[in-house]
Amino acid sequence: MSPKKVDAWISRGILSACECFSCANKLAHRFKETKIYIHCKDPCNYKPIRGVEKSALDKLEDIEQLV
């Protein structure tokens, strides 16, 4: 028997929510002050929407390493 997937509201910052907007698991979103709440049907299992590539932010070097 496979585990049940539970949808949930996840609190994200503005930058980390950017990836959620291109995820097929996102059902809805809400803004409140500096937080974005993402309603996700399968939290933290990123699945890109068809035709969308993974963010290029992963390819950038860490700023702390450059200093």
N, C-alpha and C. Protein backbone atom coordinates (compact mmCIF):
# COMPACT_ATOMS: atom_id res chain seq x y z
N MET A 1 0.84 -1.17 0.00
CA MET A 1 0.00 0.00 0.00
C MET A 1 0.89 1.24 0.00
N SER A 2 0.64 2.16 -0.89
CA SER A 2 1.46 3.36 -0.99
C SER A 2 1.02 4.39 0.06
N PRO A 3 1.97 5.22 0.53
CA PRO A 3 1.61 6.23 1.52
C PRO A 3 0.72 7.30 0.91
N LYS A 4 -0.19 7.83 1.70
CA LYS A 4 -1.09 8.87 1.22
C LYS A 4 -0.36 10.20 1.16
N LYS A 5 -0.63 10.96 0.13
CA LYS A 5 -0.05 12.29 -0.01
C LYS A 5 -1.04 13.28 0.58
N VAL A 6 -0.55 14.15 1.45
CA VAL A 6 -1.40 15.12 2.11
C VAL A 6 -1.03 16.50 1.63
N ASP A 7 -2.02 17.24 1.15
CA ASP A 7 -1.72 18.61 0.75
C ASP A 7 -1.61 19.50 1.98
N ALA A 8 -0.81 20.56 1.87
CA ALA A 8 -0.56 21.42 3.01
C ALA A 8 -0.24 22.83 2.55
N TRP A 9 -0.40 23.77 3.47
CA TRP A 9 0.02 25.15 3.24
C TRP A 9 1.43 25.30 3.78
N ILE A 10 2.36 25.75 2.95
CA ILE A 10 3.76 25.89 3.32
C ILE A 10 4.14 27.36 3.26
N SER A 11 4.79 27.84 4.31
CA SER A 11 5.24 29.22 4.38
C SER A 11 6.62 29.33 3.72
N ARG A 12 6.77 30.26 2.79
CA ARG A 12 8.05 30.46 2.09
C ARG A 12 8.39 31.95 2.06
N GLY A 13 9.67 32.21 1.94
CA GLY A 13 10.11 33.58 1.69
C GLY A 13 9.91 33.90 0.22
N ILE A 14 10.12 35.14 -0.15
CA ILE A 14 9.88 35.56 -1.53
C ILE A 14 10.77 34.80 -2.51
N LEU A 15 12.06 34.70 -2.20
CA LEU A 15 12.97 34.03 -3.13
C LEU A 15 12.74 32.53 -3.21
N SER A 16 12.52 31.89 -2.08
CA SER A 16 12.32 30.43 -2.12
C SER A 16 10.97 30.06 -2.74
N ALA A 17 10.02 30.97 -2.73
CA ALA A 17 8.71 30.68 -3.33
C ALA A 17 8.75 30.75 -4.85
N CYS A 18 9.77 31.37 -5.41
CA CYS A 18 9.86 31.47 -6.86
C CYS A 18 9.86 30.10 -7.52
N GLU A 19 10.57 29.16 -6.94
CA GLU A 19 10.62 27.82 -7.50
C GLU A 19 9.24 27.15 -7.40
N CYS A 20 8.51 27.43 -6.34
CA CYS A 20 7.18 26.83 -6.16
C CYS A 20 6.21 27.27 -7.26
N PHE A 21 6.38 28.47 -7.79
CA PHE A 21 5.46 28.95 -8.82
C PHE A 21 5.59 28.18 -10.12
N SER A 22 6.71 27.51 -10.34
CA SER A 22 6.87 26.71 -11.55
C SER A 22 6.76 25.22 -11.26
N CYS A 23 6.14 24.87 -10.14
CA CYS A 23 6.01 23.46 -9.75
C CYS A 23 4.59 22.97 -10.05
N ALA A 24 4.51 21.77 -10.58
CA ALA A 24 3.21 21.18 -10.91
C ALA A 24 2.41 20.82 -9.67
N ASN A 25 3.05 20.74 -8.49
CA ASN A 25 2.35 20.39 -7.26
C ASN A 25 1.66 21.58 -6.60
N LYS A 26 1.91 22.80 -7.06
CA LYS A 26 1.30 24.00 -6.46
C LYS A 26 -0.18 24.06 -6.84
N LEU A 27 -1.02 24.18 -5.82
CA LEU A 27 -2.46 24.29 -6.04
C LEU A 27 -2.93 25.74 -5.99
N ALA A 28 -2.38 26.51 -5.03
CA ALA A 28 -2.77 27.90 -4.86
C ALA A 28 -1.68 28.63 -4.08
N HIS A 29 -1.82 29.94 -3.96
CA HIS A 29 -0.88 30.71 -3.16
C HIS A 29 -1.57 31.92 -2.54
N ARG A 30 -0.99 32.42 -1.45
CA ARG A 30 -1.48 33.61 -0.76
C ARG A 30 -0.29 34.45 -0.34
N PHE A 31 -0.46 35.76 -0.33
CA PHE A 31 0.57 36.68 0.14
C PHE A 31 0.16 37.25 1.48
N LYS A 32 1.13 37.36 2.41
CA LYS A 32 0.87 38.02 3.68
C LYS A 32 2.18 38.64 4.14
N GLU A 33 2.23 39.97 4.11
CA GLU A 33 3.42 40.74 4.46
C GLU A 33 4.63 40.26 3.66
N THR A 34 5.64 39.69 4.29
CA THR A 34 6.84 39.26 3.57
C THR A 34 6.86 37.76 3.32
N LYS A 35 5.79 37.07 3.63
CA LYS A 35 5.71 35.62 3.43
C LYS A 35 4.73 35.28 2.32
N ILE A 36 5.00 34.19 1.66
CA ILE A 36 4.09 33.64 0.66
C ILE A 36 3.71 32.25 1.12
N TYR A 37 2.42 31.97 1.16
CA TYR A 37 1.93 30.67 1.57
C TYR A 37 1.52 29.90 0.32
N ILE A 38 2.14 28.74 0.13
CA ILE A 38 1.90 27.91 -1.04
C ILE A 38 1.07 26.70 -0.62
N HIS A 39 -0.05 26.49 -1.30
CA HIS A 39 -0.86 25.29 -1.06
C HIS A 39 -0.34 24.23 -2.03
N CYS A 40 0.28 23.20 -1.46
CA CYS A 40 0.99 22.20 -2.25
C CYS A 40 0.38 20.82 -2.04
N LYS A 41 0.17 20.08 -3.14
CA LYS A 41 -0.42 18.75 -2.99
C LYS A 41 0.62 17.69 -2.65
N ASP A 42 1.91 17.98 -2.81
CA ASP A 42 2.97 17.04 -2.47
C ASP A 42 4.20 17.85 -2.03
N PRO A 43 4.22 18.35 -0.78
CA PRO A 43 5.26 19.26 -0.32
C PRO A 43 6.69 18.72 -0.52
N CYS A 44 7.54 19.60 -1.00
CA CYS A 44 8.99 19.37 -1.15
C CYS A 44 9.35 18.27 -2.16
N ASN A 45 8.46 17.90 -3.02
CA ASN A 45 8.78 17.01 -4.13
C ASN A 45 8.57 17.79 -5.43
N TYR A 46 9.56 18.64 -5.72
CA TYR A 46 9.49 19.54 -6.87
C TYR A 46 9.32 18.78 -8.18
N LYS A 47 8.29 19.12 -8.92
CA LYS A 47 8.07 18.58 -10.26
C LYS A 47 7.83 19.78 -11.18
N PRO A 48 8.76 20.05 -12.08
CA PRO A 48 8.58 21.23 -12.94
C PRO A 48 7.36 21.08 -13.84
N ILE A 49 6.70 22.18 -14.09
CA ILE A 49 5.59 22.19 -15.04
C ILE A 49 6.17 21.87 -16.41
N ARG A 50 5.44 21.16 -17.20
CA ARG A 50 5.95 20.75 -18.52
C ARG A 50 6.43 21.95 -19.31
N GLY A 51 7.64 21.88 -19.82
CA GLY A 51 8.21 22.97 -20.61
C GLY A 51 9.00 23.97 -19.77
N VAL A 52 9.08 23.76 -18.46
CA VAL A 52 9.81 24.67 -17.58
C VAL A 52 11.04 23.95 -17.06
N GLU A 53 12.18 24.63 -17.10
CA GLU A 53 13.42 24.05 -16.60
C GLU A 53 13.64 24.43 -15.15
N LYS A 54 14.48 23.67 -14.47
CA LYS A 54 14.84 23.97 -13.09
C LYS A 54 15.56 25.32 -13.05
N SER A 55 15.39 26.03 -11.98
CA SER A 55 15.94 27.37 -11.81
C SER A 55 17.45 27.40 -12.01
N ALA A 56 17.94 28.47 -12.61
CA ALA A 56 19.38 28.64 -12.83
C ALA A 56 20.09 29.10 -11.56
N LEU A 57 19.33 29.41 -10.49
CA LEU A 57 19.94 29.86 -9.25
C LEU A 57 20.84 28.80 -8.64
N ASP A 58 20.55 27.53 -8.90
CA ASP A 58 21.38 26.44 -8.37
C ASP A 58 22.78 26.45 -8.97
N LYS A 59 22.93 27.02 -10.14
CA LYS A 59 24.22 27.04 -10.83
C LYS A 59 25.13 28.18 -10.36
N LEU A 60 24.57 29.17 -9.67
CA LEU A 60 25.36 30.32 -9.21
C LEU A 60 26.26 29.93 -8.05
N GLU A 61 27.44 30.54 -8.00
CA GLU A 61 28.35 30.29 -6.91
C GLU A 61 27.86 30.99 -5.65
N ASP A 62 28.22 30.44 -4.51
CA ASP A 62 27.86 31.01 -3.23
C ASP A 62 28.63 32.32 -3.03
N ILE A 63 27.95 33.38 -2.63
CA ILE A 63 28.58 34.69 -2.46
C ILE A 63 29.67 34.63 -1.39
N GLU A 64 29.46 33.86 -0.35
CA GLU A 64 30.45 33.77 0.73
C GLU A 64 31.77 33.17 0.23
N GLN A 65 31.71 32.33 -0.75
CA GLN A 65 32.92 31.73 -1.30
C GLN A 65 33.68 32.73 -2.17
N LEU A 66 32.98 33.69 -2.76
CA LEU A 66 33.61 34.66 -3.63
C LEU A 66 34.36 35.75 -2.85
N VAL A 67 33.97 36.00 -1.62
CA VAL A 67 34.57 37.09 -0.83
C VAL A 67 35.88 36.69 -0.25
